[in-house]
Amino acid sequence: MIVAARFNGPPTSGNGGYTAGMLAAGLGISRPVTVTLRQPPPLETPLTVTSDGQLLDGDRLIATATPGTPPTGPDWGDPAEAAAYAGFADHPFPTCYVCGPLREDGLRIFPGRLPDGRTAASWTVPDSVGIPTIWAALDCPGGWAIIAPGRPYVLGRITVEIGTIPAEGEDCVIVGECTGTDGRKGFVRTGLFGPDRRLLAAAEATWLTV
């Protein structure tokens, strides 16, 4: 398994959600799946996937994947009611494949804050959408429910269940919600909704301050 350079989160490592989705898809574990990131995933580096769900860079453990508990998605939210995306003004990783404003070739998911504190973003599904794409789309919008200026977070653990992969070109909505914090940890959940407001996929994740 190789995480291509274009699928970065921070400039020198893979986007957590995309990398986790690649691992889950490669293992073929029955849904849902929990992936725990142990190290920043290296880019353009051959990684080994073991039969018991470990992702290795030589002897270094990068991530683990295990069957997970079905996540609970948030309720639908209206992106038209969201404030401007805070990442346009202050983004810890502005070239992130998912939510980086400097990435014309990324997913360009820009979640704004809703009046109730959740985040919501419109998203037109790109060509060649697959499992890693959906995992990536469910990653950053949850993080932006806790990220604040001068206080960046990175993904530590994520559990995803995909019911339906939306079609290319479909107009969807992604909603993120913070469910609590504990020291350096922030707990979020994210939902991907179709044009009919039906929940297509859901995630629960733990983010860590850096």
C-alpha atoms as a PDB file:
ATOM      1  CA  MET A   1       0.000   0.000   0.000  1.00  0.00           C
ATOM      2  CA  ILE A   2       1.293   3.467  -0.936  1.00  0.00           C
ATOM      3  CA  VAL A   3      -0.310   6.778   0.096  1.00  0.00           C
ATOM      4  CA  ALA A   4       0.266   9.043  -2.895  1.00  0.00           C
ATOM      5  CA  ALA A   5       1.612  12.522  -2.167  1.00  0.00           C
ATOM      6  CA  ARG A   6      -1.576  14.212  -3.339  1.00  0.00           C
ATOM      7  CA  PHE A   7      -3.526  12.586  -0.489  1.00  0.00           C
ATOM      8  CA  ASN A   8      -1.712  14.532   2.223  1.00  0.00           C
ATOM      9  CA  GLY A   9      -3.108  16.044   5.389  1.00  0.00           C
ATOM     10  CA  PRO A  10      -0.146  17.844   6.937  1.00  0.00           C
ATOM     11  CA  PRO A  11       2.365  18.608   4.162  1.00  0.00           C
ATOM     12  CA  THR A  12       4.584  15.558   4.752  1.00  0.00           C
ATOM     13  CA  SER A  13       2.101  12.890   5.842  1.00  0.00           C
ATOM     14  CA  GLY A  14      -1.059  11.242   4.602  1.00  0.00           C
ATOM     15  CA  ASN A  15      -4.527  12.541   5.343  1.00  0.00           C
ATOM     16  CA  GLY A  16      -5.702  10.463   8.287  1.00  0.00           C
ATOM     17  CA  GLY A  17      -9.124   9.650   6.937  1.00  0.00           C
ATOM     18  CA  TYR A  18      -7.914   8.745   3.461  1.00  0.00           C
ATOM     19  CA  THR A  19      -5.099   6.560   4.800  1.00  0.00           C
ATOM     20  CA  ALA A  20      -7.476   4.823   7.218  1.00  0.00           C
ATOM     21  CA  GLY A  21      -9.926   4.224   4.380  1.00  0.00           C
ATOM     22  CA  MET A  22      -7.203   2.686   2.221  1.00  0.00           C
ATOM     23  CA  LEU A  23      -6.290   0.331   5.048  1.00  0.00           C
ATOM     24  CA  ALA A  24      -9.903  -0.652   5.737  1.00  0.00           C
ATOM     25  CA  ALA A  25     -10.639  -1.196   2.051  1.00  0.00           C
ATOM     26  CA  GLY A  26      -7.510  -3.283   1.576  1.00  0.00           C
ATOM     27  CA  LEU A  27      -8.356  -5.584   4.467  1.00  0.00           C
ATOM     28  CA  GLY A  28     -11.960  -6.120   3.408  1.00  0.00           C
ATOM     29  CA  ILE A  29     -13.187  -6.095   7.019  1.00  0.00           C
ATOM     30  CA  SER A  30     -16.949  -6.279   7.431  1.00  0.00           C
ATOM     31  CA  ARG A  31     -18.251  -2.836   8.300  1.00  0.00           C
ATOM     32  CA  PRO A  32     -17.921  -0.893  10.518  1.00  0.00           C
ATOM     33  CA  VAL A  33     -14.141  -0.550  10.918  1.00  0.00           C
ATOM     34  CA  THR A  34     -12.048   1.270  13.548  1.00  0.00           C
ATOM     35  CA  VAL A  35      -8.617   2.533  12.498  1.00  0.00           C
ATOM     36  CA  THR A  36      -6.152   3.889  15.056  1.00  0.00           C
ATOM     37  CA  LEU A  37      -3.269   5.997  13.750  1.00  0.00           C
ATOM     38  CA  ARG A  38      -0.042   5.437  15.712  1.00  0.00           C
ATOM     39  CA  GLN A  39       2.335   7.537  13.574  1.00  0.00           C
ATOM     40  CA  PRO A  40       1.891  10.122  10.801  1.00  0.00           C
ATOM     41  CA  PRO A  41       1.391   8.037   7.633  1.00  0.00           C
ATOM     42  CA  PRO A  42       4.377   8.557   5.302  1.00  0.00           C
ATOM     43  CA  LEU A  43       3.790   9.575   1.699  1.00  0.00           C
ATOM     44  CA  GLU A  44       5.052   7.760  -1.403  1.00  0.00           C
ATOM     45  CA  THR A  45       6.385   4.945   0.780  1.00  0.00           C
ATOM     46  CA  PRO A  46       5.641   1.231   0.324  1.00  0.00           C
ATOM     47  CA  LEU A  47       3.760   0.130   3.445  1.00  0.00           C
ATOM     48  CA  THR A  48       2.979  -3.411   4.546  1.00  0.00           C
ATOM     49  CA  VAL A  49      -0.553  -4.477   5.489  1.00  0.00           C
ATOM     50  CA  THR A  50      -0.601  -7.560   7.708  1.00  0.00           C
ATOM     51  CA  SER A  51      -3.413 -10.076   7.932  1.00  0.00           C
ATOM     52  CA  ASP A  52      -4.236  -8.943  11.479  1.00  0.00           C
ATOM     53  CA  GLY A  53      -4.828  -5.334  10.416  1.00  0.00           C
ATOM     54  CA  GLN A  54      -1.476  -3.653  11.046  1.00  0.00           C
ATOM     55  CA  LEU A  55      -0.033  -1.044   8.700  1.00  0.00           C
ATOM     56  CA  LEU A  56       3.769  -1.074   8.893  1.00  0.00           C
ATOM     57  CA  ASP A  57       6.594   1.073   7.557  1.00  0.00           C
ATOM     58  CA  GLY A  58       9.377  -1.454   8.004  1.00  0.00           C
ATOM     59  CA  ASP A  59       9.273  -2.159  11.740  1.00  0.00           C
ATOM     60  CA  ARG A  60       7.323   1.014  12.567  1.00  0.00           C
ATOM     61  CA  LEU A  61       3.639   0.567  13.367  1.00  0.00           C
ATOM     62  CA  ILE A  62       1.693   3.249  11.487  1.00  0.00           C
ATOM     63  CA  ALA A  63      -1.914   2.178  12.087  1.00  0.00           C
ATOM     64  CA  THR A  64      -4.163  -0.682  13.137  1.00  0.00           C
ATOM     65  CA  ALA A  65      -7.595  -1.686  11.866  1.00  0.00           C
ATOM     66  CA  THR A  66     -10.177  -3.733  13.747  1.00  0.00           C
ATOM     67  CA  PRO A  67     -13.924  -4.368  13.516  1.00  0.00           C
ATOM     68  CA  GLY A  68     -15.721  -1.511  15.270  1.00  0.00           C
ATOM     69  CA  THR A  69     -19.022  -0.607  16.875  1.00  0.00           C
ATOM     70  CA  PRO A  70     -21.536   1.063  14.529  1.00  0.00           C
ATOM     71  CA  PRO A  71     -21.072   4.833  14.814  1.00  0.00           C
ATOM     72  CA  THR A  72     -23.939   7.227  15.470  1.00  0.00           C
ATOM     73  CA  GLY A  73     -24.181   9.996  12.909  1.00  0.00           C
ATOM     74  CA  PRO A  74     -25.368  13.533  13.660  1.00  0.00           C
ATOM     75  CA  ASP A  75     -28.646  14.947  12.418  1.00  0.00           C
ATOM     76  CA  TRP A  76     -28.758  16.677   9.041  1.00  0.00           C
ATOM     77  CA  GLY A  77     -27.782  20.356   8.999  1.00  0.00           C
ATOM     78  CA  ASP A  78     -28.293  23.061   6.395  1.00  0.00           C
ATOM     79  CA  PRO A  79     -25.016  24.410   4.942  1.00  0.00           C
ATOM     80  CA  ALA A  80     -26.879  27.559   3.908  1.00  0.00           C
ATOM     81  CA  GLU A  81     -27.134  28.437   7.607  1.00  0.00           C
ATOM     82  CA  ALA A  82     -23.418  27.927   8.266  1.00  0.00           C
ATOM     83  CA  ALA A  83     -20.907  30.707   8.855  1.00  0.00           C
ATOM     84  CA  ALA A  84     -17.946  31.157   6.544  1.00  0.00           C
ATOM     85  CA  TYR A  85     -15.333  28.401   6.700  1.00  0.00           C
ATOM     86  CA  ALA A  86     -12.798  29.345   9.365  1.00  0.00           C
ATOM     87  CA  GLY A  87     -10.056  27.588   7.404  1.00  0.00           C
ATOM     88  CA  PHE A  88     -10.078  30.320   4.775  1.00  0.00           C
ATOM     89  CA  ALA A  89      -8.600  32.713   7.348  1.00  0.00           C
ATOM     90  CA  ASP A  90      -6.604  30.356   9.597  1.00  0.00           C
ATOM     91  CA  HIS A  91      -5.775  26.791   8.562  1.00  0.00           C
ATOM     92  CA  PRO A  92      -3.066  24.646  10.224  1.00  0.00           C
ATOM     93  CA  PHE A  93      -2.588  22.591   7.037  1.00  0.00           C
ATOM     94  CA  PRO A  94      -3.829  24.682   4.067  1.00  0.00           C
ATOM     95  CA  THR A  95      -2.767  22.063   1.483  1.00  0.00           C
ATOM     96  CA  CYS A  96      -4.822  19.249   3.089  1.00  0.00           C
ATOM     97  CA  TYR A  97      -6.378  17.048   0.411  1.00  0.00           C
ATOM     98  CA  VAL A  98      -9.807  17.187   2.064  1.00  0.00           C
ATOM     99  CA  CYS A  99     -10.272  20.713   3.399  1.00  0.00           C
ATOM    100  CA  GLY A 100      -7.234  22.723   2.316  1.00  0.00           C
ATOM    101  CA  PRO A 101      -8.196  26.006   0.612  1.00  0.00           C
ATOM    102  CA  LEU A 102      -4.962  25.899  -1.428  1.00  0.00           C
ATOM    103  CA  ARG A 103      -5.841  22.564  -3.047  1.00  0.00           C
ATOM    104  CA  GLU A 104      -7.679  23.028  -6.328  1.00  0.00           C
ATOM    105  CA  ASP A 105      -7.350  19.266  -6.919  1.00  0.00           C
ATOM    106  CA  GLY A 106      -8.604  18.223  -3.466  1.00  0.00           C
ATOM    107  CA  LEU A 107     -12.068  17.363  -2.186  1.00  0.00           C
ATOM    108  CA  ARG A 108     -12.614  21.045  -1.275  1.00  0.00           C
ATOM    109  CA  ILE A 109     -14.903  20.362   1.682  1.00  0.00           C
ATOM    110  CA  PHE A 110     -15.185  23.632   3.602  1.00  0.00           C
ATOM    111  CA  PRO A 111     -17.387  23.149   6.704  1.00  0.00           C
ATOM    112  CA  GLY A 112     -18.743  26.288   8.333  1.00  0.00           C
ATOM    113  CA  ARG A 113     -20.091  26.585  11.853  1.00  0.00           C
ATOM    114  CA  LEU A 114     -23.859  26.230  12.301  1.00  0.00           C
ATOM    115  CA  PRO A 115     -25.702  28.319  14.931  1.00  0.00           C
ATOM    116  CA  ASP A 116     -25.862  25.244  17.215  1.00  0.00           C
ATOM    117  CA  GLY A 117     -22.072  24.746  17.105  1.00  0.00           C
ATOM    118  CA  ARG A 118     -21.986  21.888  14.623  1.00  0.00           C
ATOM    119  CA  THR A 119     -20.392  22.212  11.177  1.00  0.00           C
ATOM    120  CA  ALA A 120     -21.941  21.688   7.757  1.00  0.00           C
ATOM    121  CA  ALA A 121     -20.622  21.704   4.212  1.00  0.00           C
ATOM    122  CA  SER A 122     -21.959  21.052   0.741  1.00  0.00           C
ATOM    123  CA  TRP A 123     -19.987  18.514  -1.268  1.00  0.00           C
ATOM    124  CA  THR A 124     -20.248  17.484  -4.896  1.00  0.00           C
ATOM    125  CA  VAL A 125     -18.985  13.913  -5.144  1.00  0.00           C
ATOM    126  CA  PRO A 126     -15.906  13.713  -7.412  1.00  0.00           C
ATOM    127  CA  ASP A 127     -15.122  11.242 -10.175  1.00  0.00           C
ATOM    128  CA  SER A 128     -13.761   7.825  -9.223  1.00  0.00           C
ATOM    129  CA  VAL A 129     -15.260   7.978  -5.736  1.00  0.00           C
ATOM    130  CA  GLY A 130     -14.440   4.952  -3.582  1.00  0.00           C
ATOM    131  CA  ILE A 131     -14.182   3.815   0.011  1.00  0.00           C
ATOM    132  CA  PRO A 132     -11.051   5.887   0.848  1.00  0.00           C
ATOM    133  CA  THR A 133     -12.753   8.993  -0.569  1.00  0.00           C
ATOM    134  CA  ILE A 134     -15.735   8.552   1.737  1.00  0.00           C
ATOM    135  CA  TRP A 135     -13.491   7.995   4.768  1.00  0.00           C
ATOM    136  CA  ALA A 136     -11.592  11.185   3.884  1.00  0.00           C
ATOM    137  CA  ALA A 137     -14.818  13.160   3.468  1.00  0.00           C
ATOM    138  CA  LEU A 138     -15.959  12.019   6.927  1.00  0.00           C
ATOM    139  CA  ASP A 139     -12.643  13.046   8.511  1.00  0.00           C
ATOM    140  CA  CYS A 140     -12.042  16.811   8.445  1.00  0.00           C
ATOM    141  CA  PRO A 141     -15.622  18.125   8.885  1.00  0.00           C
ATOM    142  CA  GLY A 142     -15.691  16.478  12.309  1.00  0.00           C
ATOM    143  CA  GLY A 143     -12.341  17.985  13.183  1.00  0.00           C
ATOM    144  CA  TRP A 144     -13.524  21.492  12.320  1.00  0.00           C
ATOM    145  CA  ALA A 145     -16.155  21.133  15.057  1.00  0.00           C
ATOM    146  CA  ILE A 146     -13.277  21.394  17.589  1.00  0.00           C
ATOM    147  CA  ILE A 147     -10.394  23.110  15.749  1.00  0.00           C
ATOM    148  CA  ALA A 148      -9.866  26.685  16.931  1.00  0.00           C
ATOM    149  CA  PRO A 149      -7.392  29.406  15.883  1.00  0.00           C
ATOM    150  CA  GLY A 150      -3.958  28.528  17.233  1.00  0.00           C
ATOM    151  CA  ARG A 151      -5.159  25.101  18.452  1.00  0.00           C
ATOM    152  CA  PRO A 152      -4.718  22.531  15.668  1.00  0.00           C
ATOM    153  CA  TYR A 153      -5.813  18.912  16.003  1.00  0.00           C
ATOM    154  CA  VAL A 154      -4.963  15.754  14.085  1.00  0.00           C
ATOM    155  CA  LEU A 155      -6.921  12.535  13.721  1.00  0.00           C
ATOM    156  CA  GLY A 156      -6.081   9.797  16.234  1.00  0.00           C
ATOM    157  CA  ARG A 157      -8.816   7.190  15.747  1.00  0.00           C
ATOM    158  CA  ILE A 158     -11.830   6.886  13.473  1.00  0.00           C
ATOM    159  CA  THR A 159     -14.664   4.392  13.112  1.00  0.00           C
ATOM    160  CA  VAL A 160     -16.624   4.462   9.850  1.00  0.00           C
ATOM    161  CA  GLU A 161     -19.681   2.657   8.566  1.00  0.00           C
ATOM    162  CA  ILE A 162     -20.680   3.173   4.934  1.00  0.00           C
ATOM    163  CA  GLY A 163     -24.213   2.276   3.965  1.00  0.00           C
ATOM    164  CA  THR A 164     -24.221   3.732   0.447  1.00  0.00           C
ATOM    165  CA  ILE A 165     -21.466   5.283  -1.652  1.00  0.00           C
ATOM    166  CA  PRO A 166     -23.002   8.287  -3.434  1.00  0.00           C
ATOM    167  CA  ALA A 167     -22.770   8.572  -7.195  1.00  0.00           C
ATOM    168  CA  GLU A 168     -20.262  10.781  -8.989  1.00  0.00           C
ATOM    169  CA  GLY A 169     -21.593  14.321  -9.332  1.00  0.00           C
ATOM    170  CA  GLU A 170     -24.202  13.900  -6.579  1.00  0.00           C
ATOM    171  CA  ASP A 171     -24.726  16.926  -4.325  1.00  0.00           C
ATOM    172  CA  CYS A 172     -24.315  15.830  -0.710  1.00  0.00           C
ATOM    173  CA  VAL A 173     -24.053  17.439   2.719  1.00  0.00           C
ATOM    174  CA  ILE A 174     -21.517  16.589   5.432  1.00  0.00           C
ATOM    175  CA  VAL A 175     -22.203  17.493   9.072  1.00  0.00           C
ATOM    176  CA  GLY A 176     -19.709  17.386  11.954  1.00  0.00           C
ATOM    177  CA  GLU A 177     -20.404  17.561  15.670  1.00  0.00           C
ATOM    178  CA  CYS A 178     -18.200  17.677  18.781  1.00  0.00           C
ATOM    179  CA  THR A 179     -19.526  15.345  21.470  1.00  0.00           C
ATOM    180  CA  GLY A 180     -16.973  16.168  24.183  1.00  0.00           C
ATOM    181  CA  THR A 181     -13.344  16.776  25.126  1.00  0.00           C
ATOM    182  CA  ASP A 182     -10.919  15.267  27.624  1.00  0.00           C
ATOM    183  CA  GLY A 183      -7.532  16.961  27.952  1.00  0.00           C
ATOM    184  CA  ARG A 184      -5.791  16.719  24.575  1.00  0.00           C
ATOM    185  CA  LYS A 185      -8.603  14.612  23.127  1.00  0.00           C
ATOM    186  CA  GLY A 186     -11.658  15.825  21.245  1.00  0.00           C
ATOM    187  CA  PHE A 187     -14.513  13.475  20.347  1.00  0.00           C
ATOM    188  CA  VAL A 188     -16.553  14.059  17.204  1.00  0.00           C
ATOM    189  CA  ARG A 189     -19.060  12.414  14.935  1.00  0.00           C
ATOM    190  CA  THR A 190     -19.683  13.055  11.263  1.00  0.00           C
ATOM    191  CA  GLY A 191     -22.437  12.201   8.818  1.00  0.00           C
ATOM    192  CA  LEU A 192     -22.616  12.129   5.020  1.00  0.00           C
ATOM    193  CA  PHE A 193     -26.101  12.836   3.702  1.00  0.00           C
ATOM    194  CA  GLY A 194     -27.519  12.381   0.218  1.00  0.00           C
ATOM    195  CA  PRO A 195     -29.628  14.928  -1.677  1.00  0.00           C
ATOM    196  CA  ASP A 196     -32.740  13.478   0.011  1.00  0.00           C
ATOM    197  CA  ARG A 197     -31.158  14.081   3.472  1.00  0.00           C
ATOM    198  CA  ARG A 198     -30.748  10.348   3.989  1.00  0.00           C
ATOM    199  CA  LEU A 199     -27.681   9.337   6.032  1.00  0.00           C
ATOM    200  CA  LEU A 200     -25.337   7.457   3.697  1.00  0.00           C
ATOM    201  CA  ALA A 201     -22.286   7.036   5.949  1.00  0.00           C
ATOM    202  CA  ALA A 202     -21.286   7.914   9.494  1.00  0.00           C
ATOM    203  CA  ALA A 203     -18.128   8.230  11.561  1.00  0.00           C
ATOM    204  CA  GLU A 204     -17.063   8.681  15.152  1.00  0.00           C
ATOM    205  CA  ALA A 205     -13.538   9.899  15.780  1.00  0.00           C
ATOM    206  CA  THR A 206     -11.011  10.982  18.384  1.00  0.00           C
ATOM    207  CA  TRP A 207      -8.800  13.964  17.538  1.00  0.00           C
ATOM    208  CA  LEU A 208      -5.631  15.002  19.371  1.00  0.00           C
ATOM    209  CA  THR A 209      -4.153  18.459  19.857  1.00  0.00           C
ATOM    210  CA  VAL A 210      -0.647  18.983  18.492  1.00  0.00           C
END
